Amino acid sequence: MVSSRLKLFSNSVVQGVARSRAGVVTTPEDVAAFGSKGRLKLGAEPPLAERAGWLWENDLENVPLFLFLALADVLTGGRPMICAVLFGTYFLSQVLHSVALLRAMQPMRSISYVVGVAVCFTISVRLVIAVLG
């Protein structure tokens, strides 16, 4: 849980730094509040901040599902060592996916995403077996 928060926080920092370096804000009220002395201007997202936004969207679509599956796996008696391997693999795949998305690295982005999906699928199968078996 802490690792997910750290990853999300890091992504926010990437967005903020990218906007600051470009001297751009995306809303008029931010120009009024932070644009003193003409340092910041209203404009489009810099490419890195835009990629970080895509990363936020991806995390909002995938992380809650993983957290639900992980909790269900633990609550249905998942073996601690297997859970640790699966959960660690998911976290590592998400970190690699984040780096690959921010740095436009293919095929690493696709491979790391598929690994995360495979972990979720594996946990789903384990849950079906736990409930039916």
C-alpha atoms as a PDB file:
ATOM      1  CA  MET A   1       0.000   0.000   0.000  1.00  0.00           C
ATOM      2  CA  VAL A   2       2.787   2.396   0.910  1.00  0.00           C
ATOM      3  CA  SER A   3       4.616   1.521  -2.298  1.00  0.00           C
ATOM      4  CA  SER A   4       1.532   2.411  -4.375  1.00  0.00           C
ATOM      5  CA  ARG A   5       1.272   5.778  -2.647  1.00  0.00           C
ATOM      6  CA  LEU A   6       4.957   6.448  -3.217  1.00  0.00           C
ATOM      7  CA  LYS A   7       4.554   5.629  -6.912  1.00  0.00           C
ATOM      8  CA  LEU A   8       1.546   7.954  -7.237  1.00  0.00           C
ATOM      9  CA  PHE A   9       3.309  10.721  -5.311  1.00  0.00           C
ATOM     10  CA  SER A  10       6.357  10.391  -7.568  1.00  0.00           C
ATOM     11  CA  ASN A  11       4.144  10.778 -10.616  1.00  0.00           C
ATOM     12  CA  SER A  12       2.715  14.002  -9.190  1.00  0.00           C
ATOM     13  CA  VAL A  13       6.234  15.317  -8.692  1.00  0.00           C
ATOM     14  CA  VAL A  14       7.089  14.471 -12.319  1.00  0.00           C
ATOM     15  CA  GLN A  15       4.043  16.441 -13.514  1.00  0.00           C
ATOM     16  CA  GLY A  16       4.849  19.428 -11.342  1.00  0.00           C
ATOM     17  CA  VAL A  17       8.511  19.544 -12.325  1.00  0.00           C
ATOM     18  CA  ALA A  18       7.662  19.220 -16.034  1.00  0.00           C
ATOM     19  CA  ARG A  19       5.172  22.085 -15.817  1.00  0.00           C
ATOM     20  CA  SER A  20       7.554  24.225 -13.789  1.00  0.00           C
ATOM     21  CA  ARG A  21      10.459  23.704 -16.191  1.00  0.00           C
ATOM     22  CA  ALA A  22       8.225  24.598 -19.111  1.00  0.00           C
ATOM     23  CA  GLY A  23       6.874  27.627 -17.223  1.00  0.00           C
ATOM     24  CA  VAL A  24       3.325  26.527 -18.012  1.00  0.00           C
ATOM     25  CA  VAL A  25       0.114  26.166 -16.036  1.00  0.00           C
ATOM     26  CA  THR A  26      -3.094  24.813 -17.488  1.00  0.00           C
ATOM     27  CA  THR A  27      -5.782  26.942 -15.849  1.00  0.00           C
ATOM     28  CA  PRO A  28      -6.329  30.709 -15.718  1.00  0.00           C
ATOM     29  CA  GLU A  29      -6.663  30.704 -11.922  1.00  0.00           C
ATOM     30  CA  ASP A  30      -3.174  29.194 -11.638  1.00  0.00           C
ATOM     31  CA  VAL A  31      -1.764  32.066 -13.684  1.00  0.00           C
ATOM     32  CA  ALA A  32      -3.461  34.495 -11.322  1.00  0.00           C
ATOM     33  CA  ALA A  33      -2.224  32.675  -8.228  1.00  0.00           C
ATOM     34  CA  PHE A  34       1.272  31.599  -9.276  1.00  0.00           C
ATOM     35  CA  GLY A  35       2.158  33.604 -12.374  1.00  0.00           C
ATOM     36  CA  SER A  36       3.788  36.525 -10.588  1.00  0.00           C
ATOM     37  CA  LYS A  37       6.489  38.393 -12.500  1.00  0.00           C
ATOM     38  CA  GLY A  38       5.542  36.607 -15.722  1.00  0.00           C
ATOM     39  CA  ARG A  39       7.326  33.361 -14.877  1.00  0.00           C
ATOM     40  CA  LEU A  40       4.324  31.166 -15.604  1.00  0.00           C
ATOM     41  CA  LYS A  41       1.997  31.354 -18.562  1.00  0.00           C
ATOM     42  CA  LEU A  42      -1.203  29.638 -19.584  1.00  0.00           C
ATOM     43  CA  GLY A  43      -0.511  26.892 -22.080  1.00  0.00           C
ATOM     44  CA  ALA A  44      -0.749  23.275 -23.102  1.00  0.00           C
ATOM     45  CA  GLU A  45       0.763  20.496 -21.015  1.00  0.00           C
ATOM     46  CA  PRO A  46       4.430  19.834 -21.742  1.00  0.00           C
ATOM     47  CA  PRO A  47       4.921  16.335 -23.231  1.00  0.00           C
ATOM     48  CA  LEU A  48       6.296  14.809 -20.015  1.00  0.00           C
ATOM     49  CA  ALA A  49       3.405  16.193 -17.934  1.00  0.00           C
ATOM     50  CA  GLU A  50       0.970  14.828 -20.523  1.00  0.00           C
ATOM     51  CA  ARG A  51       2.586  11.384 -20.269  1.00  0.00           C
ATOM     52  CA  ALA A  52       2.359  11.600 -16.472  1.00  0.00           C
ATOM     53  CA  GLY A  53      -1.353  12.313 -16.910  1.00  0.00           C
ATOM     54  CA  TRP A  54      -1.698   9.165 -18.995  1.00  0.00           C
ATOM     55  CA  LEU A  55       0.070   7.305 -16.219  1.00  0.00           C
ATOM     56  CA  TRP A  56      -2.442   8.632 -13.682  1.00  0.00           C
ATOM     57  CA  GLU A  57      -5.304   7.402 -15.867  1.00  0.00           C
ATOM     58  CA  ASN A  58      -3.686   3.994 -16.226  1.00  0.00           C
ATOM     59  CA  ASP A  59      -3.148   3.697 -12.479  1.00  0.00           C
ATOM     60  CA  LEU A  60      -6.748   4.702 -11.751  1.00  0.00           C
ATOM     61  CA  GLU A  61      -7.930   1.947 -14.100  1.00  0.00           C
ATOM     62  CA  ASN A  62      -5.633  -0.832 -12.872  1.00  0.00           C
ATOM     63  CA  VAL A  63      -4.426  -0.336  -9.297  1.00  0.00           C
ATOM     64  CA  PRO A  64      -7.876  -0.562  -7.601  1.00  0.00           C
ATOM     65  CA  LEU A  65      -8.542  -3.900  -9.316  1.00  0.00           C
ATOM     66  CA  PHE A  66      -5.178  -5.238  -8.181  1.00  0.00           C
ATOM     67  CA  LEU A  67      -5.744  -4.042  -4.596  1.00  0.00           C
ATOM     68  CA  PHE A  68      -9.172  -5.719  -4.521  1.00  0.00           C
ATOM     69  CA  LEU A  69      -7.734  -8.975  -5.881  1.00  0.00           C
ATOM     70  CA  ALA A  70      -4.770  -8.869  -3.504  1.00  0.00           C
ATOM     71  CA  LEU A  71      -7.019  -8.316  -0.492  1.00  0.00           C
ATOM     72  CA  ALA A  72      -9.341 -11.124  -1.574  1.00  0.00           C
ATOM     73  CA  ASP A  73      -6.337 -13.433  -2.064  1.00  0.00           C
ATOM     74  CA  VAL A  74      -5.098 -12.743   1.459  1.00  0.00           C
ATOM     75  CA  LEU A  75      -8.580 -13.072   2.995  1.00  0.00           C
ATOM     76  CA  THR A  76      -9.183 -16.430   1.297  1.00  0.00           C
ATOM     77  CA  GLY A  77      -6.024 -17.855   2.830  1.00  0.00           C
ATOM     78  CA  GLY A  78      -3.480 -17.218   0.108  1.00  0.00           C
ATOM     79  CA  ARG A  79      -0.073 -18.589   1.061  1.00  0.00           C
ATOM     80  CA  PRO A  80       2.143 -15.718   2.247  1.00  0.00           C
ATOM     81  CA  MET A  81       5.151 -16.606   0.087  1.00  0.00           C
ATOM     82  CA  ILE A  82       3.071 -16.888  -3.087  1.00  0.00           C
ATOM     83  CA  CYS A  83       1.261 -13.645  -2.247  1.00  0.00           C
ATOM     84  CA  ALA A  84       4.593 -11.900  -1.662  1.00  0.00           C
ATOM     85  CA  VAL A  85       5.947 -13.065  -5.031  1.00  0.00           C
ATOM     86  CA  LEU A  86       2.777 -12.109  -6.923  1.00  0.00           C
ATOM     87  CA  PHE A  87       2.362  -8.745  -5.201  1.00  0.00           C
ATOM     88  CA  GLY A  88       6.052  -7.907  -5.595  1.00  0.00           C
ATOM     89  CA  THR A  89       5.945  -8.856  -9.257  1.00  0.00           C
ATOM     90  CA  TYR A  90       2.920  -6.626  -9.789  1.00  0.00           C
ATOM     91  CA  PHE A  91       4.583  -3.685  -8.076  1.00  0.00           C
ATOM     92  CA  LEU A  92       7.786  -4.139 -10.072  1.00  0.00           C
ATOM     93  CA  SER A  93       5.807  -4.409 -13.324  1.00  0.00           C
ATOM     94  CA  GLN A  94       3.990  -1.176 -12.486  1.00  0.00           C
ATOM     95  CA  VAL A  95       7.220   0.675 -11.711  1.00  0.00           C
ATOM     96  CA  LEU A  96       8.751  -0.526 -14.992  1.00  0.00           C
ATOM     97  CA  HIS A  97       5.565   0.401 -16.851  1.00  0.00           C
ATOM     98  CA  SER A  98       5.676   3.881 -15.319  1.00  0.00           C
ATOM     99  CA  VAL A  99       9.281   4.438 -16.337  1.00  0.00           C
ATOM    100  CA  ALA A 100       8.617   3.072 -19.820  1.00  0.00           C
ATOM    101  CA  LEU A 101       5.543   5.272 -20.287  1.00  0.00           C
ATOM    102  CA  LEU A 102       7.277   8.420 -19.071  1.00  0.00           C
ATOM    103  CA  ARG A 103      10.338   7.753 -21.244  1.00  0.00           C
ATOM    104  CA  ALA A 104       8.448   6.412 -24.322  1.00  0.00           C
ATOM    105  CA  MET A 105      10.155   3.010 -24.181  1.00  0.00           C
ATOM    106  CA  GLN A 106       8.601   0.258 -26.258  1.00  0.00           C
ATOM    107  CA  PRO A 107       8.386  -2.744 -26.017  1.00  0.00           C
ATOM    108  CA  MET A 108       9.179  -2.436 -22.292  1.00  0.00           C
ATOM    109  CA  ARG A 109       5.948  -0.530 -21.713  1.00  0.00           C
ATOM    110  CA  SER A 110       3.793  -3.244 -23.260  1.00  0.00           C
ATOM    111  CA  ILE A 111       5.700  -6.118 -21.685  1.00  0.00           C
ATOM    112  CA  SER A 112       5.521  -4.652 -18.183  1.00  0.00           C
ATOM    113  CA  TYR A 113       1.806  -3.948 -18.622  1.00  0.00           C
ATOM    114  CA  VAL A 114       1.140  -7.538 -19.724  1.00  0.00           C
ATOM    115  CA  VAL A 115       3.075  -8.852 -16.713  1.00  0.00           C
ATOM    116  CA  GLY A 116       0.800  -6.840 -14.420  1.00  0.00           C
ATOM    117  CA  VAL A 117      -2.293  -8.175 -16.190  1.00  0.00           C
ATOM    118  CA  ALA A 118      -0.903 -11.724 -15.918  1.00  0.00           C
ATOM    119  CA  VAL A 119      -0.455 -11.286 -12.157  1.00  0.00           C
ATOM    120  CA  CYS A 120      -4.069 -10.109 -11.812  1.00  0.00           C
ATOM    121  CA  PHE A 121      -5.234 -13.062 -13.904  1.00  0.00           C
ATOM    122  CA  THR A 122      -3.187 -15.466 -11.775  1.00  0.00           C
ATOM    123  CA  ILE A 123      -4.677 -14.057  -8.575  1.00  0.00           C
ATOM    124  CA  SER A 124      -8.159 -14.357 -10.114  1.00  0.00           C
ATOM    125  CA  VAL A 125      -7.562 -18.047 -10.887  1.00  0.00           C
ATOM    126  CA  ARG A 126      -6.277 -18.589  -7.344  1.00  0.00           C
ATOM    127  CA  LEU A 127      -9.459 -17.000  -5.985  1.00  0.00           C
ATOM    128  CA  VAL A 128     -11.709 -19.202  -8.104  1.00  0.00           C
ATOM    129  CA  ILE A 129      -9.817 -22.270  -6.910  1.00  0.00           C
ATOM    130  CA  ALA A 130     -10.008 -21.100  -3.287  1.00  0.00           C
ATOM    131  CA  VAL A 131     -13.755 -20.499  -3.486  1.00  0.00           C
ATOM    132  CA  LEU A 132     -14.677 -23.615  -5.476  1.00  0.00           C
ATOM    133  CA  GLY A 133     -12.060 -25.974  -4.060  1.00  0.00           C
END
